[in-house]
Structures are given as C-alpha cells and as structure tokens.
C-alpha cells in the first residue's frame, strides 16, 4: 500500500526489478564510506576474507544468498535452507547476520 519503496541500489544494478516494481526509488548505493558522523543507517563491518576463495571459483558458478538487514527466520527454516544449498553440489556464499535466528550458532547444520 506504499506510494514508494526506497532501496539501496541503482537502476543499472537491477533493471528488471525496477521494471517489475515501478514504485521503487533507488537511493544508492549507500556505502560505509558514505557515512558522516552518526548516520541513522547501519552497516556491518566489511569482511573480505571470502574474496580469495571466490576468485578461485568458475565464473557464474557460485550461488549468492543474502537475507537483508531485517530478516529473521525460524531455526528450522535456516537449517533447511543450508541443507538445500548443500544438496545443489554447487559452491555458495551466503551472508548471515549473527542474530538471524534465535540460537543461530546452533542452527548451522
């Protein structure tokens, strides 16, 4: 029912998404380097430890999964997703907040 949705992106990154949902207003990309003082937005510390591994993978072979800033899922859903990714037998990279589910440390299969 919103008149407009604001997102951290640009038209060039996701042209199909902007075609499907015309009331999306891209205002990004918002980067950590763009912050000045105490901004109202929150960004996790960048972790580039996966880049070496990622560069060793075949082009277009890695499944990327990110849950967004506000997503919280049930522990069983989290486990099922992890097992489903494993069953693809493809390399995957997922971005998971420490608090994505209650007991997230025990949620990893």
PDB file of N, CA and C in Angstrom:
ATOM      1  N   UNK A   1       0.816  -1.196   0.000  1.00  0.00           N
ATOM      2  CA  UNK A   1       0.000   0.000   0.000  1.00  0.00           C
ATOM      3  C   UNK A   1       0.858   1.258   0.000  1.00  0.00           C
ATOM      4  N   UNK A   2       2.176   1.098  -0.064  1.00  0.00           N
ATOM      5  CA  UNK A   2       3.063   2.256  -0.050  1.00  0.00           C
ATOM      6  C   UNK A   2       3.064   2.957  -1.401  1.00  0.00           C
ATOM      7  N   UNK A   3       3.221   4.258  -1.373  1.00  0.00           N
ATOM      8  CA  UNK A   3       3.338   5.018  -2.612  1.00  0.00           C
ATOM      9  C   UNK A   3       4.688   4.813  -3.271  1.00  0.00           C
ATOM     10  N   UNK A   4       5.712   4.574  -2.433  1.00  0.00           N
ATOM     11  CA  UNK A   4       7.068   4.451  -2.943  1.00  0.00           C
ATOM     12  C   UNK A   4       7.884   3.569  -1.996  1.00  0.00           C
ATOM     13  N   UNK A   5       8.780   2.773  -2.557  1.00  0.00           N
ATOM     14  CA  UNK A   5       9.704   1.958  -1.769  1.00  0.00           C
ATOM     15  C   UNK A   5      11.116   2.462  -2.020  1.00  0.00           C
ATOM     16  N   UNK A   6      11.842   2.700  -0.958  1.00  0.00           N
ATOM     17  CA  UNK A   6      13.208   3.189  -1.082  1.00  0.00           C
ATOM     18  C   UNK A   6      14.149   1.995  -0.913  1.00  0.00           C
ATOM     19  N   UNK A   7      15.146   1.895  -1.789  1.00  0.00           N
ATOM     20  CA  UNK A   7      16.083   0.777  -1.683  1.00  0.00           C
ATOM     21  C   UNK A   7      17.514   1.248  -1.915  1.00  0.00           C
ATOM     22  N   UNK A   8      18.445   0.460  -1.404  1.00  0.00           N
ATOM     23  CA  UNK A   8      19.866   0.747  -1.509  1.00  0.00           C
ATOM     24  C   UNK A   8      20.396   0.105  -2.784  1.00  0.00           C
ATOM     25  N   UNK A   9      20.099   0.717  -3.918  1.00  0.00           N
ATOM     26  CA  UNK A   9      20.517   0.178  -5.206  1.00  0.00           C
ATOM     27  C   UNK A   9      20.503   1.293  -6.239  1.00  0.00           C
ATOM     28  N   UNK A  10      20.798   0.925  -7.495  1.00  0.00           N
ATOM     29  CA  UNK A  10      20.668   1.854  -8.617  1.00  0.00           C
ATOM     30  C   UNK A  10      20.025   1.091  -9.781  1.00  0.00           C
ATOM     31  N   UNK A  11      19.421   1.810 -10.709  1.00  0.00           N
ATOM     32  CA  UNK A  11      18.760   1.173 -11.848  1.00  0.00           C
ATOM     33  C   UNK A  11      19.693   0.234 -12.606  1.00  0.00           C
ATOM     34  N   UNK A  12      20.952   0.618 -12.784  1.00  0.00           N
ATOM     35  CA  UNK A  12      21.886  -0.196 -13.562  1.00  0.00           C
ATOM     36  C   UNK A  12      22.171  -1.553 -12.924  1.00  0.00           C
ATOM     37  N   UNK A  13      22.069  -1.657 -11.611  1.00  0.00           N
ATOM     38  CA  UNK A  13      22.321  -2.924 -10.927  1.00  0.00           C
ATOM     39  C   UNK A  13      21.185  -3.919 -11.113  1.00  0.00           C
ATOM     40  N   UNK A  14      19.943  -3.426 -11.111  1.00  0.00           N
ATOM     41  CA  UNK A  14      18.788  -4.317 -11.102  1.00  0.00           C
ATOM     42  C   UNK A  14      17.675  -3.796 -12.015  1.00  0.00           C
ATOM     43  N   UNK A  15      17.933  -3.686 -13.313  1.00  0.00           N
ATOM     44  CA  UNK A  15      16.936  -3.084 -14.198  1.00  0.00           C
ATOM     45  C   UNK A  15      15.620  -3.862 -14.244  1.00  0.00           C
ATOM     46  N   UNK A  16      15.674  -5.190 -14.167  1.00  0.00           N
ATOM     47  CA  UNK A  16      14.444  -5.983 -14.223  1.00  0.00           C
ATOM     48  C   UNK A  16      13.577  -5.726 -12.994  1.00  0.00           C
ATOM     49  N   UNK A  17      14.194  -5.644 -11.833  1.00  0.00           N
ATOM     50  CA  UNK A  17      13.443  -5.391 -10.600  1.00  0.00           C
ATOM     51  C   UNK A  17      12.721  -4.054 -10.669  1.00  0.00           C
ATOM     52  N   UNK A  18      13.377  -3.063 -11.215  1.00  0.00           N
ATOM     53  CA  UNK A  18      12.751  -1.746 -11.307  1.00  0.00           C
ATOM     54  C   UNK A  18      11.639  -1.723 -12.345  1.00  0.00           C
ATOM     55  N   UNK A  19      11.696  -2.611 -13.324  1.00  0.00           N
ATOM     56  CA  UNK A  19      10.619  -2.734 -14.299  1.00  0.00           C
ATOM     57  C   UNK A  19       9.411  -3.419 -13.674  1.00  0.00           C
ATOM     58  N   UNK A  20       9.664  -4.447 -12.865  1.00  0.00           N
ATOM     59  CA  UNK A  20       8.577  -5.208 -12.243  1.00  0.00           C
ATOM     60  C   UNK A  20       7.862  -4.428 -11.145  1.00  0.00           C
ATOM     61  N   UNK A  21       8.601  -3.590 -10.434  1.00  0.00           N
ATOM     62  CA  UNK A  21       8.024  -2.820  -9.335  1.00  0.00           C
ATOM     63  C   UNK A  21       8.350  -1.343  -9.591  1.00  0.00           C
ATOM     64  N   UNK A  22       7.494  -0.661 -10.341  1.00  0.00           N
ATOM     65  CA  UNK A  22       7.820   0.704 -10.771  1.00  0.00           C
ATOM     66  C   UNK A  22       7.865   1.742  -9.663  1.00  0.00           C
ATOM     67  N   UNK A  23       7.334   1.445  -8.462  1.00  0.00           N
ATOM     68  CA  UNK A  23       7.359   2.452  -7.410  1.00  0.00           C
ATOM     69  C   UNK A  23       8.576   2.314  -6.492  1.00  0.00           C
ATOM     70  N   UNK A  24       9.620   1.620  -6.958  1.00  0.00           N
ATOM     71  CA  UNK A  24      10.863   1.544  -6.194  1.00  0.00           C
ATOM     72  C   UNK A  24      11.709   2.770  -6.524  1.00  0.00           C
ATOM     73  N   UNK A  25      12.195   3.428  -5.483  1.00  0.00           N
ATOM     74  CA  UNK A  25      13.059   4.591  -5.649  1.00  0.00           C
ATOM     75  C   UNK A  25      14.465   4.225  -5.190  1.00  0.00           C
ATOM     76  N   UNK A  26      15.399   4.039  -6.107  1.00  0.00           N
ATOM     77  CA  UNK A  26      16.765   3.701  -5.709  1.00  0.00           C
ATOM     78  C   UNK A  26      17.502   4.936  -5.201  1.00  0.00           C
ATOM     79  N   UNK A  27      18.144   4.810  -4.066  1.00  0.00           N
ATOM     80  CA  UNK A  27      18.889   5.941  -3.491  1.00  0.00           C
ATOM     81  C   UNK A  27      20.337   5.563  -3.229  1.00  0.00           C
ATOM     82  N   UNK A  28      20.812   4.516  -3.824  1.00  0.00           N
ATOM     83  CA  UNK A  28      22.142   4.016  -3.500  1.00  0.00           C
ATOM     84  C   UNK A  28      23.095   4.133  -4.659  1.00  0.00           C
ATOM     85  N   UNK A  29      24.172   3.420  -4.525  1.00  0.00           N
ATOM     86  CA  UNK A  29      24.413   2.559  -3.370  1.00  0.00           C
ATOM     87  C   UNK A  29      24.902   3.352  -2.166  1.00  0.00           C
ATOM     88  N   UNK A  30      24.341   3.006  -1.015  1.00  0.00           N
ATOM     89  CA  UNK A  30      24.814   3.577   0.235  1.00  0.00           C
ATOM     90  C   UNK A  30      25.964   2.697   0.720  1.00  0.00           C
ATOM     91  N   UNK A  31      27.097   3.273   0.895  1.00  0.00           N
ATOM     92  CA  UNK A  31      28.287   2.535   1.305  1.00  0.00           C
ATOM     93  C   UNK A  31      28.770   3.044   2.648  1.00  0.00           C
ATOM     94  N   UNK A  32      29.533   2.218   3.343  1.00  0.00           N
ATOM     95  CA  UNK A  32      30.100   2.630   4.621  1.00  0.00           C
ATOM     96  C   UNK A  32      30.901   3.911   4.451  1.00  0.00           C
ATOM     97  N   UNK A  33      31.613   4.031   3.330  1.00  0.00           N
ATOM     98  CA  UNK A  33      32.442   5.221   3.104  1.00  0.00           C
ATOM     99  C   UNK A  33      31.604   6.479   2.922  1.00  0.00           C
ATOM    100  N   UNK A  34      30.295   6.336   2.673  1.00  0.00           N
ATOM    101  CA  UNK A  34      29.419   7.494   2.508  1.00  0.00           C
ATOM    102  C   UNK A  34      28.948   8.071   3.834  1.00  0.00           C
ATOM    103  N   UNK A  35      29.159   7.342   4.925  1.00  0.00           N
ATOM    104  CA  UNK A  35      28.649   7.788   6.221  1.00  0.00           C
ATOM    105  C   UNK A  35      29.449   8.964   6.741  1.00  0.00           C
ATOM    106  N   UNK A  36      28.745   9.882   7.371  1.00  0.00           N
ATOM    107  CA  UNK A  36      29.389  11.020   8.003  1.00  0.00           C
ATOM    108  C   UNK A  36      28.875  11.107   9.429  1.00  0.00           C
ATOM    109  N   UNK A  37      29.779  10.989  10.388  1.00  0.00           N
ATOM    110  CA  UNK A  37      29.372  11.085  11.783  1.00  0.00           C
ATOM    111  C   UNK A  37      28.464   9.946  12.175  1.00  0.00           C
ATOM    112  N   UNK A  38      27.447  10.257  12.945  1.00  0.00           N
ATOM    113  CA  UNK A  38      26.486   9.247  13.403  1.00  0.00           C
ATOM    114  C   UNK A  38      25.307   9.192  12.440  1.00  0.00           C
ATOM    115  N   UNK A  39      25.411   8.352  11.440  1.00  0.00           N
ATOM    116  CA  UNK A  39      24.306   8.245  10.497  1.00  0.00           C
ATOM    117  C   UNK A  39      23.202   7.392  11.096  1.00  0.00           C
ATOM    118  N   UNK A  40      22.017   7.516  10.560  1.00  0.00           N
ATOM    119  CA  UNK A  40      20.905   6.719  11.052  1.00  0.00           C
ATOM    120  C   UNK A  40      20.926   5.317  10.475  1.00  0.00           C
ATOM    121  N   UNK A  41      21.591   5.110   9.361  1.00  0.00           N
ATOM    122  CA  UNK A  41      21.697   3.774   8.777  1.00  0.00           C
ATOM    123  C   UNK A  41      22.766   2.959   9.488  1.00  0.00           C
ATOM    124  N   UNK A  42      22.694   1.658   9.334  1.00  0.00           N
ATOM    125  CA  UNK A  42      23.668   0.786   9.970  1.00  0.00           C
ATOM    126  C   UNK A  42      24.253  -0.147   8.935  1.00  0.00           C
ATOM    127  N   UNK A  43      25.552  -0.277   8.929  1.00  0.00           N
ATOM    128  CA  UNK A  43      26.229  -1.181   8.018  1.00  0.00           C
ATOM    129  C   UNK A  43      27.173  -2.059   8.818  1.00  0.00           C
ATOM    130  N   UNK A  44      27.186  -3.341   8.505  1.00  0.00           N
ATOM    131  CA  UNK A  44      28.113  -4.266   9.154  1.00  0.00           C
ATOM    132  C   UNK A  44      29.533  -3.978   8.684  1.00  0.00           C
ATOM    133  N   UNK A  45      30.474  -4.313   9.508  1.00  0.00           N
ATOM    134  CA  UNK A  45      31.881  -4.197   9.136  1.00  0.00           C
ATOM    135  C   UNK A  45      32.125  -5.063   7.903  1.00  0.00           C
ATOM    136  N   UNK A  46      32.803  -4.528   6.903  1.00  0.00           N
ATOM    137  CA  UNK A  46      33.077  -5.289   5.691  1.00  0.00           C
ATOM    138  C   UNK A  46      34.010  -6.455   5.998  1.00  0.00           C
ATOM    139  N   UNK A  47      33.690  -7.606   5.454  1.00  0.00           N
ATOM    140  CA  UNK A  47      34.506  -8.808   5.626  1.00  0.00           C
ATOM    141  C   UNK A  47      34.902  -9.301   4.244  1.00  0.00           C
ATOM    142  N   UNK A  48      36.152  -9.121   3.879  1.00  0.00           N
ATOM    143  CA  UNK A  48      36.604  -9.503   2.539  1.00  0.00           C
ATOM    144  C   UNK A  48      37.369 -10.828   2.539  1.00  0.00           C
ATOM    145  N   UNK A  49      37.253 -11.592   3.619  1.00  0.00           N
ATOM    146  CA  UNK A  49      38.011 -12.849   3.707  1.00  0.00           C
ATOM    147  C   UNK A  49      37.580 -13.868   2.664  1.00  0.00           C
ATOM    148  N   UNK A  50      36.385 -13.724   2.103  1.00  0.00           N
ATOM    149  CA  UNK A  50      35.893 -14.697   1.132  1.00  0.00           C
ATOM    150  C   UNK A  50      36.403 -14.425  -0.285  1.00  0.00           C
ATOM    151  N   UNK A  51      37.014 -13.273  -0.520  1.00  0.00           N
ATOM    152  CA  UNK A  51      37.383 -12.903  -1.882  1.00  0.00           C
ATOM    153  C   UNK A  51      38.392 -13.858  -2.508  1.00  0.00           C
ATOM    154  N   UNK A  52      39.362 -14.313  -1.759  1.00  0.00           N
ATOM    155  CA  UNK A  52      40.354 -15.250  -2.298  1.00  0.00           C
ATOM    156  C   UNK A  52      39.659 -16.536  -2.749  1.00  0.00           C
ATOM    157  N   UNK A  53      38.766 -17.059  -1.900  1.00  0.00           N
ATOM    158  CA  UNK A  53      38.013 -18.257  -2.253  1.00  0.00           C
ATOM    159  C   UNK A  53      37.141 -17.995  -3.481  1.00  0.00           C
ATOM    160  N   UNK A  54      36.453 -16.865  -3.515  1.00  0.00           N
ATOM    161  CA  UNK A  54      35.553 -16.534  -4.602  1.00  0.00           C
ATOM    162  C   UNK A  54      36.298 -16.432  -5.930  1.00  0.00           C
ATOM    163  N   UNK A  55      37.479 -15.853  -5.919  1.00  0.00           N
ATOM    164  CA  UNK A  55      38.271 -15.714  -7.142  1.00  0.00           C
ATOM    165  C   UNK A  55      38.726 -17.061  -7.692  1.00  0.00           C
ATOM    166  N   UNK A  56      38.738 -18.104  -6.881  1.00  0.00           N
ATOM    167  CA  UNK A  56      39.148 -19.439  -7.321  1.00  0.00           C
ATOM    168  C   UNK A  56      38.003 -20.228  -7.943  1.00  0.00           C
ATOM    169  N   UNK A  57      36.775 -19.708  -7.873  1.00  0.00           N
ATOM    170  CA  UNK A  57      35.611 -20.404  -8.406  1.00  0.00           C
ATOM    171  C   UNK A  57      35.423 -20.058  -9.886  1.00  0.00           C
ATOM    172  N   UNK A  58      34.780 -20.958 -10.602  1.00  0.00           N
ATOM    173  CA  UNK A  58      34.470 -20.718 -12.015  1.00  0.00           C
ATOM    174  C   UNK A  58      33.496 -19.543 -12.130  1.00  0.00           C
ATOM    175  N   UNK A  59      33.619 -18.737 -13.174  1.00  0.00           N
ATOM    176  CA  UNK A  59      32.665 -17.637 -13.363  1.00  0.00           C
ATOM    177  C   UNK A  59      31.228 -18.156 -13.416  1.00  0.00           C
ATOM    178  N   UNK A  60      30.322 -17.433 -12.792  1.00  0.00           N
ATOM    179  CA  UNK A  60      28.887 -17.746 -12.778  1.00  0.00           C
ATOM    180  C   UNK A  60      28.561 -19.093 -12.141  1.00  0.00           C
ATOM    181  N   UNK A  61      29.418 -19.587 -11.248  1.00  0.00           N
ATOM    182  CA  UNK A  61      29.175 -20.893 -10.640  1.00  0.00           C
ATOM    183  C   UNK A  61      28.736 -20.811  -9.185  1.00  0.00           C
ATOM    184  N   UNK A  62      28.856 -19.653  -8.556  1.00  0.00           N
ATOM    185  CA  UNK A  62      28.592 -19.516  -7.123  1.00  0.00           C
ATOM    186  C   UNK A  62      27.176 -19.004  -6.891  1.00  0.00           C
ATOM    187  N   UNK A  63      26.462 -19.671  -5.993  1.00  0.00           N
ATOM    188  CA  UNK A  63      25.145 -19.213  -5.568  1.00  0.00           C
ATOM    189  C   UNK A  63      25.354 -18.199  -4.446  1.00  0.00           C
ATOM    190  N   UNK A  64      24.754 -17.024  -4.582  1.00  0.00           N
ATOM    191  CA  UNK A  64      24.880 -15.969  -3.578  1.00  0.00           C
ATOM    192  C   UNK A  64      23.548 -15.820  -2.856  1.00  0.00           C
ATOM    193  N   UNK A  65      23.582 -15.878  -1.530  1.00  0.00           N
ATOM    194  CA  UNK A  65      22.374 -15.762  -0.724  1.00  0.00           C
ATOM    195  C   UNK A  65      22.607 -14.676   0.322  1.00  0.00           C
ATOM    196  N   UNK A  66      21.712 -13.709   0.377  1.00  0.00           N
ATOM    197  CA  UNK A  66      21.768 -12.669   1.400  1.00  0.00           C
ATOM    198  C   UNK A  66      20.353 -12.446   1.912  1.00  0.00           C
ATOM    199  N   UNK A  67      20.217 -12.275   3.196  1.00  0.00           N
ATOM    200  CA  UNK A  67      18.913 -12.193   3.820  1.00  0.00           C
ATOM    201  C   UNK A  67      18.438 -10.772   4.072  1.00  0.00           C
ATOM    202  N   UNK A  68      19.273  -9.786   3.864  1.00  0.00           N
ATOM    203  CA  UNK A  68      18.872  -8.421   4.132  1.00  0.00           C
ATOM    204  C   UNK A  68      19.059  -8.047   5.595  1.00  0.00           C
ATOM    205  N   UNK A  69      18.794  -6.820   5.888  1.00  0.00           N
ATOM    206  CA  UNK A  69      19.066  -6.280   7.215  1.00  0.00           C
ATOM    207  C   UNK A  69      18.027  -6.644   8.262  1.00  0.00           C
ATOM    208  N   UNK A  70      16.792  -6.901   7.844  1.00  0.00           N
ATOM    209  CA  UNK A  70      15.713  -7.064   8.811  1.00  0.00           C
ATOM    210  C   UNK A  70      15.169  -8.482   8.906  1.00  0.00           C
ATOM    211  N   UNK A  71      15.652  -9.370   8.074  1.00  0.00           N
ATOM    212  CA  UNK A  71      15.109 -10.723   8.030  1.00  0.00           C
ATOM    213  C   UNK A  71      15.467 -11.516   9.281  1.00  0.00           C
ATOM    214  N   UNK A  72      14.466 -12.140   9.857  1.00  0.00           N
ATOM    215  CA  UNK A  72      14.670 -13.094  10.950  1.00  0.00           C
ATOM    216  C   UNK A  72      13.861 -14.327  10.574  1.00  0.00           C
ATOM    217  N   UNK A  73      14.507 -15.482  10.570  1.00  0.00           N
ATOM    218  CA  UNK A  73      13.803 -16.695  10.185  1.00  0.00           C
ATOM    219  C   UNK A  73      13.874 -17.715  11.311  1.00  0.00           C
ATOM    220  N   UNK A  74      12.991 -18.685  11.250  1.00  0.00           N
ATOM    221  CA  UNK A  74      12.977 -19.755  12.236  1.00  0.00           C
ATOM    222  C   UNK A  74      14.208 -20.638  12.057  1.00  0.00           C
ATOM    223  N   UNK A  75      14.670 -21.209  13.147  1.00  0.00           N
ATOM    224  CA  UNK A  75      15.869 -22.057  13.134  1.00  0.00           C
ATOM    225  C   UNK A  75      15.722 -23.209  12.131  1.00  0.00           C
ATOM    226  N   UNK A  76      14.575 -23.843  12.084  1.00  0.00           N
ATOM    227  CA  UNK A  76      14.371 -24.976  11.175  1.00  0.00           C
ATOM    228  C   UNK A  76      14.422 -24.520   9.717  1.00  0.00           C
ATOM    229  N   UNK A  77      13.879 -23.333   9.421  1.00  0.00           N
ATOM    230  CA  UNK A  77      13.949 -22.798   8.060  1.00  0.00           C
ATOM    231  C   UNK A  77      15.393 -22.531   7.666  1.00  0.00           C
ATOM    232  N   UNK A  78      16.151 -21.999   8.605  1.00  0.00           N
ATOM    233  CA  UNK A  78      17.562 -21.715   8.370  1.00  0.00           C
ATOM    234  C   UNK A  78      18.316 -23.007   8.054  1.00  0.00           C
ATOM    235  N   UNK A  79      18.060 -24.042   8.830  1.00  0.00           N
ATOM    236  CA  UNK A  79      18.713 -25.332   8.611  1.00  0.00           C
ATOM    237  C   UNK A  79      18.303 -25.940   7.273  1.00  0.00           C
ATOM    238  N   UNK A  80      17.026 -25.849   6.927  1.00  0.00           N
ATOM    239  CA  UNK A  80      16.558 -26.398   5.656  1.00  0.00           C
ATOM    240  C   UNK A  80      17.187 -25.673   4.476  1.00  0.00           C
ATOM    241  N   UNK A  81      17.320 -24.366   4.580  1.00  0.00           N
ATOM    242  CA  UNK A  81      17.969 -23.609   3.521  1.00  0.00           C
ATOM    243  C   UNK A  81      19.427 -24.032   3.375  1.00  0.00           C
ATOM    244  N   UNK A  82      20.126 -24.167   4.496  1.00  0.00           N
ATOM    245  CA  UNK A  82      21.531 -24.588   4.449  1.00  0.00           C
ATOM    246  C   UNK A  82      21.667 -25.965   3.809  1.00  0.00           C
ATOM    247  N   UNK A  83      20.815 -26.898   4.198  1.00  0.00           N
ATOM    248  CA  UNK A  83      20.874 -28.245   3.624  1.00  0.00           C
ATOM    249  C   UNK A  83      20.499 -28.234   2.143  1.00  0.00           C
ATOM    250  N   UNK A  84      19.526 -27.405   1.774  1.00  0.00           N
ATOM    251  CA  UNK A  84      19.160 -27.277   0.362  1.00  0.00           C
ATOM    252  C   UNK A  84      20.312 -26.742  -0.473  1.00  0.00           C
ATOM    253  N   UNK A  85      21.013 -25.746   0.054  1.00  0.00           N
ATOM    254  CA  UNK A  85      22.184 -25.224  -0.652  1.00  0.00           C
ATOM    255  C   UNK A  85      23.252 -26.298  -0.795  1.00  0.00           C
ATOM    256  N   UNK A  86      23.457 -27.057   0.256  1.00  0.00           N
ATOM    257  CA  UNK A  86      24.450 -28.136   0.208  1.00  0.00           C
ATOM    258  C   UNK A  86      24.072 -29.180  -0.841  1.00  0.00           C
ATOM    259  N   UNK A  87      22.791 -29.498  -0.945  1.00  0.00           N
ATOM    260  CA  UNK A  87      22.331 -30.518  -1.901  1.00  0.00           C
ATOM    261  C   UNK A  87      22.487 -30.094  -3.358  1.00  0.00           C
ATOM    262  N   UNK A  88      22.667 -28.802  -3.621  1.00  0.00           N
ATOM    263  CA  UNK A  88      22.879 -28.351  -5.002  1.00  0.00           C
ATOM    264  C   UNK A  88      24.242 -28.782  -5.527  1.00  0.00           C
ATOM    265  N   UNK A  89      25.141 -29.146  -4.621  1.00  0.00           N
ATOM    266  CA  UNK A  89      26.517 -29.512  -5.000  1.00  0.00           C
ATOM    267  C   UNK A  89      27.210 -28.406  -5.782  1.00  0.00           C
ATOM    268  N   UNK A  90      26.831 -27.182  -5.493  1.00  0.00           N
ATOM    269  CA  UNK A  90      27.466 -26.017  -6.103  1.00  0.00           C
ATOM    270  C   UNK A  90      28.054 -25.163  -4.996  1.00  0.00           C
ATOM    271  N   UNK A  91      29.121 -24.439  -5.297  1.00  0.00           N
ATOM    272  CA  UNK A  91      29.662 -23.542  -4.280  1.00  0.00           C
ATOM    273  C   UNK A  91      28.659 -22.429  -3.986  1.00  0.00           C
ATOM    274  N   UNK A  92      28.577 -22.046  -2.723  1.00  0.00           N
ATOM    275  CA  UNK A  92      27.669 -20.951  -2.381  1.00  0.00           C
ATOM    276  C   UNK A  92      28.321 -20.044  -1.357  1.00  0.00           C
ATOM    277  N   UNK A  93      27.893 -18.817  -1.411  1.00  0.00           N
ATOM    278  CA  UNK A  93      28.346 -17.790  -0.486  1.00  0.00           C
ATOM    279  C   UNK A  93      27.097 -17.156   0.073  1.00  0.00           C
ATOM    280  N   UNK A  94      26.970 -17.182   1.404  1.00  0.00           N
ATOM    281  CA  UNK A  94      25.800 -16.549   1.978  1.00  0.00           C
ATOM    282  C   UNK A  94      26.216 -15.579   3.060  1.00  0.00           C
ATOM    283  N   UNK A  95      25.416 -14.558   3.157  1.00  0.00           N
ATOM    284  CA  UNK A  95      25.653 -13.507   4.123  1.00  0.00           C
ATOM    285  C   UNK A  95      24.639 -13.710   5.240  1.00  0.00           C
ATOM    286  N   UNK A  96      25.143 -13.963   6.443  1.00  0.00           N
ATOM    287  CA  UNK A  96      24.268 -14.286   7.565  1.00  0.00           C
ATOM    288  C   UNK A  96      24.640 -13.426   8.769  1.00  0.00           C
ATOM    289  N   UNK A  97      23.672 -12.673   9.257  1.00  0.00           N
ATOM    290  CA  UNK A  97      23.881 -11.921  10.495  1.00  0.00           C
ATOM    291  C   UNK A  97      23.969 -12.898  11.659  1.00  0.00           C
ATOM    292  N   UNK A  98      24.712 -12.572  12.701  1.00  0.00           N
ATOM    293  CA  UNK A  98      24.793 -13.464  13.865  1.00  0.00           C
ATOM    294  C   UNK A  98      23.443 -13.693  14.532  1.00  0.00           C
ATOM    295  N   UNK A  99      22.524 -12.747  14.395  1.00  0.00           N
ATOM    296  CA  UNK A  99      21.231 -12.874  15.068  1.00  0.00           C
ATOM    297  C   UNK A  99      20.086 -13.143  14.097  1.00  0.00           C
ATOM    298  N   UNK A 100      20.368 -13.808  12.985  1.00  0.00           N
ATOM    299  CA  UNK A 100      19.314 -14.058  12.002  1.00  0.00           C
ATOM    300  C   UNK A 100      18.232 -14.974  12.554  1.00  0.00           C
ATOM    301  N   UNK A 101      18.580 -15.808  13.501  1.00  0.00           N
ATOM    302  CA  UNK A 101      17.619 -16.676  14.167  1.00  0.00           C
ATOM    303  C   UNK A 101      18.035 -16.841  15.602  1.00  0.00           C
ATOM    304  N   UNK A 102      17.102 -17.125  16.464  1.00  0.00           N
ATOM    305  CA  UNK A 102      17.458 -17.405  17.854  1.00  0.00           C
ATOM    306  C   UNK A 102      18.328 -18.644  17.895  1.00  0.00           C
ATOM    307  N   UNK A 103      19.463 -18.567  18.579  1.00  0.00           N
ATOM    308  CA  UNK A 103      20.370 -19.703  18.632  1.00  0.00           C
ATOM    309  C   UNK A 103      21.054 -19.976  17.308  1.00  0.00           C
ATOM    310  N   UNK A 104      21.386 -18.909  16.553  1.00  0.00           N
ATOM    311  CA  UNK A 104      21.958 -19.073  15.218  1.00  0.00           C
ATOM    312  C   UNK A 104      23.228 -19.926  15.239  1.00  0.00           C
ATOM    313  N   UNK A 105      24.011 -19.816  16.310  1.00  0.00           N
ATOM    314  CA  UNK A 105      25.242 -20.603  16.360  1.00  0.00           C
ATOM    315  C   UNK A 105      24.953 -22.089  16.359  1.00  0.00           C
ATOM    316  N   UNK A 106      23.810 -22.498  16.931  1.00  0.00           N
ATOM    317  CA  UNK A 106      23.449 -23.910  16.924  1.00  0.00           C
ATOM    318  C   UNK A 106      22.645 -24.249  15.667  1.00  0.00           C
ATOM    319  N   UNK A 107      22.232 -23.259  14.898  1.00  0.00           N
ATOM    320  CA  UNK A 107      21.360 -23.507  13.757  1.00  0.00           C
ATOM    321  C   UNK A 107      22.109 -24.075  12.560  1.00  0.00           C
ATOM    322  N   UNK A 108      23.414 -23.807  12.447  1.00  0.00           N
ATOM    323  CA  UNK A 108      24.156 -24.333  11.316  1.00  0.00           C
ATOM    324  C   UNK A 108      24.224 -25.839  11.379  1.00  0.00           C
ATOM    325  N   UNK A 109      23.804 -26.522  10.305  1.00  0.00           N
ATOM    326  CA  UNK A 109      23.914 -27.999  10.311  1.00  0.00           C
ATOM    327  C   UNK A 109      25.368 -28.450  10.288  1.00  0.00           C
TER     328      UNK A 109
END
